């Protein structure tokens, strides 16, 4: 089972202008959604392990998270909390169901170019835009990078991988890349800051009215 909460939280918003419902909605999509899907699939995964236990762990759960919460990226508190929750859920599943033949791991993507989520968070983004020089590998990630990581975690090569977070970001989080990088810190978190040029900001305004 592979589960991604998708584009939840793809907007920038300071905490004081983020409505309770907007914050709650992101948690419900990411954390509650991950829980709901896992709970629904567990009986089938457990049944699968009974049939194939001789070949190693046969129940595989993979969540898609992010790297935001490693450093606490500004203007993304809603996402930071949600992704940390997904990581914690996966770790709990790994310990609780490992003895029953089910592994649980997380893939944490970095900046994946030419995706809707990325375009919502990067100021002035256009398809084909050149990557920032600060990215250690000198390029955006591509969807295939995440697909390859997923194939690995589902394969026999990952039989002994459990309770881990596989970061697929070219080390970008280690050099401070993240949503909102176009807004210098601490200026971007000051009361008179302007993040209205992002598509995500308009989404935040709508979310605040929920």
N, C-alpha and C. Protein backbone atom coordinates (compact mmCIF):
# COMPACT_ATOMS: atom_id res chain seq x y z
N UNK A 1 0.83 -1.18 0.00
CA UNK A 1 0.00 0.00 0.00
C UNK A 1 0.87 1.24 0.00
N UNK A 2 0.69 2.11 -0.97
CA UNK A 2 1.39 3.39 -1.00
C UNK A 2 0.35 4.49 -0.88
N UNK A 3 0.60 5.46 -0.01
CA UNK A 3 -0.40 6.50 0.23
C UNK A 3 0.26 7.86 0.25
N UNK A 4 -0.30 8.78 -0.52
CA UNK A 4 0.15 10.17 -0.50
C UNK A 4 -1.06 11.06 -0.28
N UNK A 5 -0.89 12.03 0.60
CA UNK A 5 -1.99 12.95 0.88
C UNK A 5 -2.12 14.02 -0.19
N UNK A 6 -1.25 13.99 -1.19
CA UNK A 6 -1.38 14.89 -2.32
C UNK A 6 -1.00 16.32 -2.01
N UNK A 7 -1.83 17.25 -2.47
CA UNK A 7 -1.47 18.67 -2.43
C UNK A 7 -1.96 19.39 -1.19
N UNK A 8 -2.23 18.66 -0.13
CA UNK A 8 -2.71 19.31 1.09
C UNK A 8 -1.69 20.31 1.61
N UNK A 9 -2.13 21.53 1.87
CA UNK A 9 -1.24 22.52 2.47
C UNK A 9 -0.35 23.26 1.51
N UNK A 10 -0.64 23.17 0.21
CA UNK A 10 0.21 23.86 -0.75
C UNK A 10 -0.12 25.35 -0.84
N UNK A 11 0.03 26.02 0.27
CA UNK A 11 -0.11 27.47 0.33
C UNK A 11 0.75 27.98 1.46
N UNK A 12 1.17 29.23 1.34
CA UNK A 12 1.97 29.87 2.37
C UNK A 12 1.06 30.75 3.22
N UNK A 13 1.21 30.66 4.54
CA UNK A 13 0.35 31.46 5.42
C UNK A 13 1.01 31.61 6.78
N UNK A 14 1.12 32.86 7.28
CA UNK A 14 1.58 33.04 8.66
C UNK A 14 0.55 32.47 9.62
N UNK A 15 1.02 32.00 10.75
CA UNK A 15 0.15 31.30 11.71
C UNK A 15 -1.03 32.16 12.15
N UNK A 16 -0.81 33.45 12.35
CA UNK A 16 -1.88 34.29 12.89
C UNK A 16 -2.98 34.59 11.88
N UNK A 17 -2.76 34.30 10.59
CA UNK A 17 -3.83 34.51 9.62
C UNK A 17 -4.39 33.19 9.10
N UNK A 18 -3.94 32.09 9.71
CA UNK A 18 -4.41 30.77 9.32
C UNK A 18 -5.60 30.40 10.20
N UNK A 19 -6.75 30.17 9.59
CA UNK A 19 -7.93 29.86 10.39
C UNK A 19 -7.81 28.48 11.02
N UNK A 20 -8.56 28.29 12.09
CA UNK A 20 -8.58 26.99 12.76
C UNK A 20 -9.03 25.90 11.79
N UNK A 21 -10.03 26.21 10.99
CA UNK A 21 -10.54 25.21 10.05
C UNK A 21 -9.55 24.89 8.95
N UNK A 22 -8.81 25.90 8.48
CA UNK A 22 -7.81 25.65 7.45
C UNK A 22 -6.71 24.74 7.99
N UNK A 23 -6.26 25.03 9.21
CA UNK A 23 -5.24 24.19 9.85
C UNK A 23 -5.77 22.77 10.04
N UNK A 24 -6.99 22.69 10.53
CA UNK A 24 -7.61 21.39 10.80
C UNK A 24 -7.78 20.58 9.52
N UNK A 25 -8.14 21.25 8.44
CA UNK A 25 -8.35 20.55 7.17
C UNK A 25 -7.09 19.88 6.67
N UNK A 26 -5.96 20.57 6.80
CA UNK A 26 -4.68 19.98 6.36
C UNK A 26 -4.35 18.75 7.21
N UNK A 27 -4.59 18.84 8.52
CA UNK A 27 -4.32 17.69 9.39
C UNK A 27 -5.25 16.52 9.03
N UNK A 28 -6.49 16.83 8.72
CA UNK A 28 -7.44 15.77 8.39
C UNK A 28 -7.05 15.06 7.09
N UNK A 29 -6.57 15.82 6.13
CA UNK A 29 -6.17 15.21 4.86
C UNK A 29 -4.92 14.36 5.05
N UNK A 30 -3.90 14.94 5.68
CA UNK A 30 -2.62 14.25 5.80
C UNK A 30 -2.63 13.16 6.87
N UNK A 31 -2.92 13.53 8.10
CA UNK A 31 -2.80 12.59 9.21
C UNK A 31 -4.03 11.67 9.30
N UNK A 32 -5.21 12.26 9.37
CA UNK A 32 -6.41 11.44 9.47
C UNK A 32 -6.60 10.59 8.22
N UNK A 33 -6.29 11.17 7.06
CA UNK A 33 -6.41 10.42 5.82
C UNK A 33 -5.46 9.24 5.79
N UNK A 34 -4.23 9.45 6.25
CA UNK A 34 -3.25 8.35 6.31
C UNK A 34 -3.73 7.25 7.24
N UNK A 35 -4.27 7.66 8.38
CA UNK A 35 -4.80 6.69 9.35
C UNK A 35 -5.97 5.90 8.75
N UNK A 36 -6.90 6.61 8.12
CA UNK A 36 -8.09 5.96 7.57
C UNK A 36 -7.73 4.91 6.52
N UNK A 37 -6.83 5.29 5.61
CA UNK A 37 -6.43 4.36 4.54
C UNK A 37 -5.71 3.15 5.13
N UNK A 38 -4.82 3.42 6.09
CA UNK A 38 -4.08 2.32 6.72
C UNK A 38 -5.03 1.36 7.43
N UNK A 39 -5.95 1.90 8.19
CA UNK A 39 -6.90 1.06 8.93
C UNK A 39 -7.74 0.20 7.99
N UNK A 40 -8.13 0.78 6.86
CA UNK A 40 -8.94 0.04 5.90
C UNK A 40 -8.15 -1.08 5.22
N UNK A 41 -6.85 -0.85 5.03
CA UNK A 41 -6.02 -1.82 4.30
C UNK A 41 -5.39 -2.89 5.18
N UNK A 42 -5.27 -2.63 6.47
CA UNK A 42 -4.56 -3.56 7.37
C UNK A 42 -5.09 -5.00 7.32
N UNK A 43 -6.39 -5.23 7.33
CA UNK A 43 -6.86 -6.62 7.28
C UNK A 43 -6.34 -7.37 6.06
N UNK A 44 -6.27 -6.69 4.92
CA UNK A 44 -5.79 -7.34 3.69
C UNK A 44 -4.28 -7.56 3.74
N UNK A 45 -3.55 -6.61 4.32
CA UNK A 45 -2.11 -6.77 4.45
C UNK A 45 -1.78 -7.93 5.39
N UNK A 46 -2.51 -8.02 6.48
CA UNK A 46 -2.29 -9.11 7.43
C UNK A 46 -2.59 -10.47 6.80
N UNK A 47 -3.63 -10.51 6.00
CA UNK A 47 -3.97 -11.76 5.31
C UNK A 47 -2.88 -12.13 4.31
N UNK A 48 -2.32 -11.12 3.65
CA UNK A 48 -1.24 -11.37 2.69
C UNK A 48 -0.01 -11.94 3.38
N UNK A 49 0.31 -11.43 4.56
CA UNK A 49 1.50 -11.91 5.26
C UNK A 49 1.35 -13.37 5.68
N UNK A 50 0.14 -13.81 5.95
CA UNK A 50 -0.09 -15.20 6.32
C UNK A 50 0.22 -16.14 5.16
N UNK A 51 -0.05 -15.66 3.95
CA UNK A 51 0.15 -16.51 2.77
C UNK A 51 1.59 -16.50 2.28
N UNK A 52 2.33 -15.41 2.57
CA UNK A 52 3.65 -15.26 1.98
C UNK A 52 4.75 -15.05 3.01
N UNK A 53 4.54 -15.40 4.24
CA UNK A 53 5.49 -15.10 5.31
C UNK A 53 6.86 -15.75 5.10
N UNK A 54 6.93 -16.87 4.38
CA UNK A 54 8.19 -17.58 4.20
C UNK A 54 9.20 -16.77 3.39
N UNK A 55 8.72 -15.85 2.57
CA UNK A 55 9.61 -15.07 1.71
C UNK A 55 10.02 -13.74 2.32
N UNK A 56 9.71 -13.52 3.59
CA UNK A 56 10.04 -12.25 4.24
C UNK A 56 8.80 -11.39 4.37
N UNK A 57 8.94 -10.17 4.89
CA UNK A 57 7.79 -9.28 5.07
C UNK A 57 7.04 -9.10 3.75
N UNK A 58 5.77 -9.35 3.76
CA UNK A 58 5.00 -9.24 2.51
C UNK A 58 3.99 -8.11 2.56
N UNK A 59 3.79 -7.53 3.72
CA UNK A 59 2.91 -6.38 3.82
C UNK A 59 3.75 -5.11 3.82
N UNK A 60 3.54 -4.26 2.85
CA UNK A 60 4.34 -3.03 2.74
C UNK A 60 3.43 -1.80 2.78
N UNK A 61 3.77 -0.88 3.64
CA UNK A 61 3.07 0.40 3.70
C UNK A 61 4.09 1.50 3.42
N UNK A 62 3.77 2.37 2.49
CA UNK A 62 4.64 3.50 2.16
C UNK A 62 3.81 4.78 2.19
N UNK A 63 4.23 5.72 3.00
CA UNK A 63 3.61 7.04 3.04
C UNK A 63 4.50 8.04 2.31
N UNK A 64 3.90 9.07 1.77
CA UNK A 64 4.66 10.17 1.18
C UNK A 64 4.51 11.37 2.10
N UNK A 65 5.63 11.87 2.58
CA UNK A 65 5.63 12.98 3.53
C UNK A 65 6.36 14.17 2.90
N UNK A 66 7.24 14.80 3.64
CA UNK A 66 8.01 15.95 3.15
C UNK A 66 9.17 16.17 4.11
N UNK A 67 9.96 17.21 3.85
CA UNK A 67 11.09 17.53 4.72
C UNK A 67 10.87 18.84 5.48
N UNK A 68 9.71 19.47 5.29
CA UNK A 68 9.45 20.78 5.89
C UNK A 68 9.72 20.82 7.39
N UNK A 69 9.24 19.80 8.09
CA UNK A 69 9.27 19.84 9.55
C UNK A 69 10.65 19.57 10.12
N UNK A 70 11.63 19.20 9.31
CA UNK A 70 12.98 18.98 9.83
C UNK A 70 13.58 20.28 10.36
N UNK A 71 13.22 21.38 9.73
CA UNK A 71 13.77 22.67 10.14
C UNK A 71 12.69 23.65 10.60
N UNK A 72 11.42 23.31 10.40
CA UNK A 72 10.35 24.22 10.79
C UNK A 72 10.24 25.40 9.85
N UNK A 73 9.96 25.14 8.58
CA UNK A 73 9.93 26.19 7.56
C UNK A 73 8.84 27.22 7.88
N UNK A 74 9.18 28.51 7.84
CA UNK A 74 8.19 29.55 8.11
C UNK A 74 7.05 29.53 7.08
N UNK A 75 5.90 29.98 7.50
CA UNK A 75 4.71 30.11 6.65
C UNK A 75 4.11 28.77 6.25
N UNK A 76 4.61 27.69 6.86
CA UNK A 76 4.11 26.35 6.53
C UNK A 76 3.85 25.54 7.81
N UNK A 77 3.41 26.20 8.87
CA UNK A 77 3.18 25.49 10.13
C UNK A 77 2.15 24.38 9.96
N UNK A 78 1.14 24.62 9.15
CA UNK A 78 0.10 23.62 8.92
C UNK A 78 0.67 22.35 8.29
N UNK A 79 1.62 22.53 7.37
CA UNK A 79 2.26 21.38 6.72
C UNK A 79 3.28 20.73 7.64
N UNK A 80 4.06 21.56 8.34
CA UNK A 80 5.08 21.01 9.25
C UNK A 80 4.46 20.03 10.24
N UNK A 81 3.35 20.43 10.85
CA UNK A 81 2.68 19.58 11.84
C UNK A 81 2.11 18.32 11.18
N UNK A 82 1.49 18.49 10.03
CA UNK A 82 0.86 17.35 9.35
C UNK A 82 1.88 16.30 8.93
N UNK A 83 2.99 16.74 8.34
CA UNK A 83 3.98 15.79 7.85
C UNK A 83 4.70 15.10 9.02
N UNK A 84 4.92 15.83 10.10
CA UNK A 84 5.50 15.19 11.29
C UNK A 84 4.56 14.11 11.81
N UNK A 85 3.26 14.36 11.73
CA UNK A 85 2.29 13.36 12.16
C UNK A 85 2.31 12.11 11.29
N UNK A 86 2.48 12.29 9.99
CA UNK A 86 2.57 11.14 9.09
C UNK A 86 3.80 10.31 9.41
N UNK A 87 4.93 10.97 9.64
CA UNK A 87 6.17 10.26 9.99
C UNK A 87 5.99 9.47 11.29
N UNK A 88 5.33 10.08 12.27
CA UNK A 88 5.12 9.42 13.56
C UNK A 88 4.18 8.23 13.42
N UNK A 89 3.15 8.38 12.60
CA UNK A 89 2.22 7.27 12.37
C UNK A 89 2.95 6.09 11.75
N UNK A 90 3.78 6.36 10.77
CA UNK A 90 4.53 5.29 10.11
C UNK A 90 5.45 4.58 11.09
N UNK A 91 6.12 5.34 11.95
CA UNK A 91 7.03 4.74 12.93
C UNK A 91 6.27 3.82 13.89
N UNK A 92 5.09 4.25 14.30
CA UNK A 92 4.28 3.43 15.21
C UNK A 92 3.83 2.14 14.53
N UNK A 93 3.43 2.24 13.28
CA UNK A 93 3.01 1.06 12.53
C UNK A 93 4.17 0.09 12.37
N UNK A 94 5.36 0.62 12.11
CA UNK A 94 6.54 -0.23 11.92
C UNK A 94 6.82 -1.08 13.15
N UNK A 95 6.69 -0.49 14.33
CA UNK A 95 6.95 -1.22 15.57
C UNK A 95 5.82 -2.18 15.91
N UNK A 96 4.60 -1.71 15.70
CA UNK A 96 3.43 -2.51 16.10
C UNK A 96 3.18 -3.70 15.17
N UNK A 97 3.43 -3.50 13.88
CA UNK A 97 3.09 -4.55 12.92
C UNK A 97 4.30 -5.23 12.29
N UNK A 98 5.51 -4.77 12.61
CA UNK A 98 6.70 -5.46 12.13
C UNK A 98 6.72 -6.94 12.49
N UNK A 99 6.41 -7.30 13.75
CA UNK A 99 6.39 -8.71 14.13
C UNK A 99 5.36 -9.54 13.37
N UNK A 100 4.40 -8.86 12.74
CA UNK A 100 3.36 -9.56 11.99
C UNK A 100 3.65 -9.58 10.49
N UNK A 101 4.85 -9.11 10.12
CA UNK A 101 5.25 -9.20 8.72
C UNK A 101 4.93 -8.00 7.87
N UNK A 102 4.64 -6.87 8.50
CA UNK A 102 4.32 -5.65 7.75
C UNK A 102 5.37 -4.59 8.04
N UNK A 103 5.93 -4.02 6.99
CA UNK A 103 6.87 -2.91 7.16
C UNK A 103 6.17 -1.60 6.81
N UNK A 104 6.62 -0.53 7.44
CA UNK A 104 6.06 0.79 7.17
C UNK A 104 7.20 1.79 7.03
N UNK A 105 7.23 2.50 5.93
CA UNK A 105 8.28 3.48 5.66
C UNK A 105 7.68 4.72 5.03
N UNK A 106 8.49 5.76 4.97
CA UNK A 106 8.06 7.05 4.43
C UNK A 106 9.03 7.48 3.33
N UNK A 107 8.50 8.03 2.27
CA UNK A 107 9.32 8.72 1.26
C UNK A 107 9.09 10.21 1.45
N UNK A 108 10.18 10.96 1.59
CA UNK A 108 10.10 12.42 1.77
C UNK A 108 10.71 13.09 0.54
N UNK A 109 9.88 13.52 -0.40
CA UNK A 109 10.40 14.16 -1.61
C UNK A 109 10.92 15.56 -1.35
N UNK A 110 11.84 15.98 -2.19
CA UNK A 110 12.29 17.36 -2.19
C UNK A 110 11.56 18.13 -3.28
N UNK A 111 12.18 19.17 -3.83
CA UNK A 111 11.53 19.97 -4.88
C UNK A 111 11.40 19.18 -6.18
N UNK A 112 10.19 18.86 -6.56
CA UNK A 112 9.93 18.11 -7.79
C UNK A 112 9.37 19.10 -8.81
N UNK A 113 10.18 19.43 -9.79
CA UNK A 113 9.81 20.46 -10.75
C UNK A 113 8.65 20.05 -11.64
N UNK A 114 8.00 21.05 -12.24
CA UNK A 114 6.90 20.83 -13.17
C UNK A 114 5.74 20.04 -12.54
N UNK A 115 5.49 20.27 -11.26
CA UNK A 115 4.32 19.68 -10.61
C UNK A 115 3.45 20.81 -10.08
N UNK A 116 2.17 20.54 -9.93
CA UNK A 116 1.25 21.58 -9.48
C UNK A 116 1.62 22.10 -8.09
N UNK A 117 1.96 21.18 -7.20
CA UNK A 117 2.30 21.59 -5.84
C UNK A 117 3.48 22.53 -5.81
N UNK A 118 4.49 22.24 -6.63
CA UNK A 118 5.68 23.08 -6.66
C UNK A 118 5.35 24.47 -7.20
N UNK A 119 4.52 24.51 -8.24
CA UNK A 119 4.18 25.80 -8.84
C UNK A 119 3.41 26.70 -7.88
N UNK A 120 2.72 26.11 -6.92
CA UNK A 120 1.95 26.91 -5.97
C UNK A 120 2.83 27.56 -4.91
N UNK A 121 4.02 27.04 -4.73
CA UNK A 121 4.86 27.49 -3.62
C UNK A 121 6.07 28.30 -4.04
N UNK A 122 6.35 28.37 -5.32
CA UNK A 122 7.54 29.07 -5.79
C UNK A 122 7.13 30.32 -6.56
N UNK A 123 7.61 31.46 -6.10
CA UNK A 123 7.25 32.74 -6.69
C UNK A 123 7.76 32.84 -8.13
N UNK A 124 6.88 33.18 -9.05
CA UNK A 124 7.28 33.37 -10.43
C UNK A 124 7.64 32.10 -11.16
N UNK A 125 7.21 30.96 -10.64
CA UNK A 125 7.57 29.68 -11.27
C UNK A 125 6.95 29.55 -12.65
N UNK A 126 7.74 29.04 -13.60
CA UNK A 126 7.24 28.71 -14.92
C UNK A 126 7.86 27.39 -15.35
N UNK A 127 7.14 26.56 -16.10
CA UNK A 127 7.67 25.26 -16.53
C UNK A 127 9.00 25.42 -17.26
N UNK A 128 9.95 24.57 -16.95
CA UNK A 128 11.26 24.63 -17.59
C UNK A 128 12.22 25.60 -16.94
N UNK A 129 11.79 26.27 -15.87
CA UNK A 129 12.66 27.22 -15.17
C UNK A 129 13.91 26.53 -14.66
N UNK A 130 15.04 27.19 -14.76
CA UNK A 130 16.31 26.62 -14.33
C UNK A 130 16.35 26.49 -12.80
N UNK A 131 16.96 25.42 -12.31
CA UNK A 131 17.03 25.22 -10.85
C UNK A 131 17.97 26.22 -10.20
N UNK A 132 17.78 26.42 -8.89
CA UNK A 132 18.64 27.32 -8.15
C UNK A 132 20.05 26.72 -8.02
N UNK A 133 21.03 27.56 -8.06
CA UNK A 133 22.41 27.10 -7.94
C UNK A 133 22.69 26.48 -6.58
N UNK A 134 21.87 26.82 -5.59
CA UNK A 134 22.11 26.31 -4.24
C UNK A 134 21.73 24.84 -4.08
N UNK A 135 21.03 24.27 -5.05
CA UNK A 135 20.67 22.85 -4.95
C UNK A 135 21.92 22.00 -5.16
N UNK A 136 22.28 21.13 -4.22
CA UNK A 136 23.54 20.39 -4.30
C UNK A 136 23.73 19.61 -5.59
N UNK A 137 22.68 19.02 -6.14
CA UNK A 137 22.82 18.24 -7.37
C UNK A 137 22.53 19.06 -8.62
N UNK A 138 22.22 20.34 -8.43
CA UNK A 138 22.06 21.23 -9.56
C UNK A 138 20.83 21.01 -10.41
N UNK A 139 19.83 20.35 -9.88
CA UNK A 139 18.60 20.12 -10.65
C UNK A 139 17.41 19.93 -9.72
N UNK A 140 16.22 20.15 -10.30
CA UNK A 140 15.01 19.78 -9.59
C UNK A 140 14.89 18.26 -9.59
N UNK A 141 14.11 17.75 -8.68
CA UNK A 141 13.74 16.34 -8.76
C UNK A 141 12.72 16.14 -9.86
N UNK A 142 12.58 14.89 -10.30
CA UNK A 142 11.56 14.54 -11.28
C UNK A 142 10.69 13.44 -10.68
N UNK A 143 9.53 13.26 -11.25
CA UNK A 143 8.59 12.27 -10.71
C UNK A 143 9.23 10.88 -10.67
N UNK A 144 10.07 10.57 -11.65
CA UNK A 144 10.71 9.25 -11.70
C UNK A 144 11.58 9.00 -10.46
N UNK A 145 12.17 10.05 -9.91
CA UNK A 145 12.98 9.87 -8.69
C UNK A 145 12.14 9.28 -7.56
N UNK A 146 10.93 9.77 -7.44
CA UNK A 146 10.04 9.27 -6.38
C UNK A 146 9.51 7.89 -6.74
N UNK A 147 9.22 7.67 -8.01
CA UNK A 147 8.75 6.36 -8.44
C UNK A 147 9.81 5.29 -8.18
N UNK A 148 11.08 5.61 -8.46
CA UNK A 148 12.16 4.65 -8.24
C UNK A 148 12.30 4.30 -6.76
N UNK A 149 12.15 5.31 -5.90
CA UNK A 149 12.23 5.06 -4.45
C UNK A 149 11.09 4.16 -4.00
N UNK A 150 9.92 4.36 -4.59
CA UNK A 150 8.76 3.54 -4.26
C UNK A 150 8.99 2.09 -4.68
N UNK A 151 9.52 1.90 -5.89
CA UNK A 151 9.82 0.55 -6.37
C UNK A 151 10.80 -0.15 -5.43
N UNK A 152 11.83 0.59 -4.99
CA UNK A 152 12.81 0.00 -4.07
C UNK A 152 12.15 -0.47 -2.78
N UNK A 153 11.32 0.37 -2.17
CA UNK A 153 10.71 0.01 -0.89
C UNK A 153 9.71 -1.13 -1.02
N UNK A 154 9.15 -1.31 -2.21
CA UNK A 154 8.24 -2.43 -2.44
C UNK A 154 8.98 -3.72 -2.82
N UNK A 155 10.27 -3.60 -3.13
CA UNK A 155 11.02 -4.74 -3.64
C UNK A 155 11.61 -5.59 -2.52
N UNK A 156 12.13 -6.77 -2.89
CA UNK A 156 12.79 -7.63 -1.91
C UNK A 156 14.06 -7.00 -1.36
N UNK A 157 14.63 -6.05 -2.10
CA UNK A 157 15.84 -5.37 -1.63
C UNK A 157 15.59 -4.58 -0.35
N UNK A 158 14.32 -4.29 -0.07
CA UNK A 158 13.96 -3.51 1.12
C UNK A 158 13.33 -4.38 2.20
N UNK A 159 13.58 -5.68 2.17
CA UNK A 159 12.98 -6.58 3.16
C UNK A 159 13.32 -6.21 4.60
N UNK A 160 14.51 -5.62 4.79
CA UNK A 160 14.96 -5.31 6.15
C UNK A 160 14.89 -3.81 6.44
N UNK A 161 14.16 -3.09 5.63
CA UNK A 161 13.98 -1.64 5.83
C UNK A 161 12.60 -1.43 6.46
N UNK A 162 12.58 -0.89 7.65
CA UNK A 162 11.32 -0.73 8.37
C UNK A 162 11.42 0.46 9.33
N UNK A 163 10.39 1.28 9.35
CA UNK A 163 10.37 2.42 10.25
C UNK A 163 11.30 3.55 9.84
N UNK A 164 11.61 3.61 8.55
CA UNK A 164 12.56 4.61 8.07
C UNK A 164 11.88 5.68 7.24
N UNK A 165 12.58 6.81 7.10
CA UNK A 165 12.17 7.87 6.19
C UNK A 165 13.24 7.98 5.11
N UNK A 166 12.86 7.70 3.88
CA UNK A 166 13.79 7.78 2.76
C UNK A 166 13.64 9.16 2.12
N UNK A 167 14.61 10.02 2.36
CA UNK A 167 14.57 11.38 1.82
C UNK A 167 15.09 11.35 0.39
N UNK A 168 14.28 11.84 -0.54
CA UNK A 168 14.66 11.87 -1.95
C UNK A 168 14.61 13.33 -2.39
N UNK A 169 15.66 14.06 -2.04
CA UNK A 169 15.65 15.50 -2.32
C UNK A 169 17.00 16.04 -2.76
N UNK A 170 17.95 15.15 -3.04
CA UNK A 170 19.26 15.62 -3.48
C UNK A 170 19.99 16.43 -2.44
N UNK A 171 19.65 16.25 -1.18
CA UNK A 171 20.24 16.97 -0.04
C UNK A 171 19.81 18.44 0.02
N UNK A 172 18.71 18.78 -0.66
CA UNK A 172 18.30 20.18 -0.71
C UNK A 172 17.89 20.74 0.65
N UNK A 173 17.26 19.91 1.50
CA UNK A 173 16.83 20.45 2.80
C UNK A 173 18.03 20.81 3.67
N UNK A 174 19.17 20.17 3.43
CA UNK A 174 20.36 20.44 4.24
C UNK A 174 20.98 21.80 3.92
N UNK A 175 20.63 22.36 2.78
CA UNK A 175 21.16 23.69 2.44
C UNK A 175 20.07 24.75 2.52
N UNK A 176 18.98 24.40 3.19
CA UNK A 176 17.96 25.40 3.49
C UNK A 176 16.92 25.61 2.43
N UNK A 177 16.82 24.68 1.44
CA UNK A 177 15.76 24.83 0.47
C UNK A 177 14.44 24.45 1.11
N UNK A 178 13.38 25.15 0.70
CA UNK A 178 12.05 24.78 1.16
C UNK A 178 11.03 25.74 0.62
N UNK A 179 9.74 25.41 0.73
CA UNK A 179 8.70 26.34 0.32
C UNK A 179 8.89 27.68 1.01
N UNK A 180 8.77 28.75 0.26
CA UNK A 180 8.94 30.07 0.84
C UNK A 180 10.38 30.57 0.80
N UNK A 181 11.29 29.84 0.13
CA UNK A 181 12.69 30.24 0.09
C UNK A 181 12.88 31.57 -0.63
N UNK A 182 11.90 31.97 -1.44
CA UNK A 182 11.98 33.24 -2.16
C UNK A 182 11.70 34.43 -1.25
N UNK A 183 11.31 34.16 -0.01
CA UNK A 183 10.97 35.23 0.93
C UNK A 183 12.00 35.24 2.05
N UNK A 184 12.92 36.21 2.03
CA UNK A 184 14.04 36.21 2.98
C UNK A 184 13.58 36.21 4.42
N UNK A 185 14.28 35.46 5.23
CA UNK A 185 14.02 35.39 6.67
C UNK A 185 14.95 36.37 7.37
N UNK A 186 14.47 37.16 8.35
CA UNK A 186 13.14 37.12 8.97
C UNK A 186 12.12 38.07 8.35
N UNK A 187 12.51 38.78 7.27
CA UNK A 187 11.60 39.78 6.70
C UNK A 187 10.23 39.19 6.36
N UNK A 188 10.23 37.94 5.88
CA UNK A 188 8.99 37.33 5.41
C UNK A 188 7.99 37.05 6.52
N UNK A 189 8.45 37.04 7.77
CA UNK A 189 7.53 36.74 8.87
C UNK A 189 7.16 38.00 9.65
N UNK A 190 7.60 39.15 9.19
CA UNK A 190 7.24 40.40 9.83
C UNK A 190 5.81 40.79 9.47
N UNK A 191 5.13 41.55 10.34
CA UNK A 191 3.72 41.89 10.11
C UNK A 191 3.44 42.58 8.78
N UNK A 192 4.42 43.33 8.25
CA UNK A 192 4.17 44.06 7.00
C UNK A 192 4.68 43.31 5.78
N UNK A 193 4.98 42.02 5.91
CA UNK A 193 5.50 41.25 4.78
C UNK A 193 4.39 41.01 3.76
N UNK A 194 4.80 40.76 2.53
CA UNK A 194 3.83 40.55 1.46
C UNK A 194 4.16 39.25 0.74
N UNK A 195 3.28 38.27 0.85
CA UNK A 195 3.47 37.02 0.12
C UNK A 195 2.33 36.82 -0.87
N UNK A 196 1.70 37.93 -1.24
CA UNK A 196 0.51 37.85 -2.08
C UNK A 196 0.81 37.42 -3.51
N UNK A 197 2.09 37.42 -3.93
CA UNK A 197 2.40 37.07 -5.31
C UNK A 197 2.38 35.57 -5.56
N UNK A 198 2.19 34.77 -4.53
CA UNK A 198 2.14 33.32 -4.74
C UNK A 198 0.71 32.88 -4.96
N UNK A 199 0.55 31.86 -5.76
CA UNK A 199 -0.78 31.29 -5.97
C UNK A 199 -1.32 30.77 -4.65
N UNK A 200 -0.42 30.23 -3.86
CA UNK A 200 -0.82 29.65 -2.58
C UNK A 200 -1.48 30.64 -1.67
N UNK A 201 -1.08 31.92 -1.75
CA UNK A 201 -1.68 32.93 -0.88
C UNK A 201 -3.17 33.04 -1.12
N UNK A 202 -3.57 33.03 -2.40
CA UNK A 202 -5.00 33.12 -2.68
C UNK A 202 -5.74 31.91 -2.15
N UNK A 203 -5.07 30.73 -2.18
CA UNK A 203 -5.68 29.54 -1.60
C UNK A 203 -5.84 29.71 -0.10
N UNK A 204 -4.87 30.36 0.52
CA UNK A 204 -4.95 30.56 1.97
C UNK A 204 -6.12 31.46 2.32
N UNK A 205 -6.34 32.51 1.50
CA UNK A 205 -7.46 33.40 1.77
C UNK A 205 -8.77 32.63 1.72
N UNK A 206 -8.89 31.74 0.72
CA UNK A 206 -10.11 30.95 0.62
C UNK A 206 -10.23 30.00 1.80
N UNK A 207 -9.10 29.39 2.17
CA UNK A 207 -9.12 28.43 3.27
C UNK A 207 -9.51 29.10 4.59
N UNK A 208 -9.11 30.37 4.74
CA UNK A 208 -9.39 31.05 6.00
C UNK A 208 -10.88 31.32 6.19
N UNK A 209 -11.65 31.15 5.09
CA UNK A 209 -13.09 31.40 5.18
C UNK A 209 -13.88 30.12 5.42
N UNK A 210 -13.16 28.98 5.48
CA UNK A 210 -13.86 27.71 5.68
C UNK A 210 -14.61 27.72 7.02
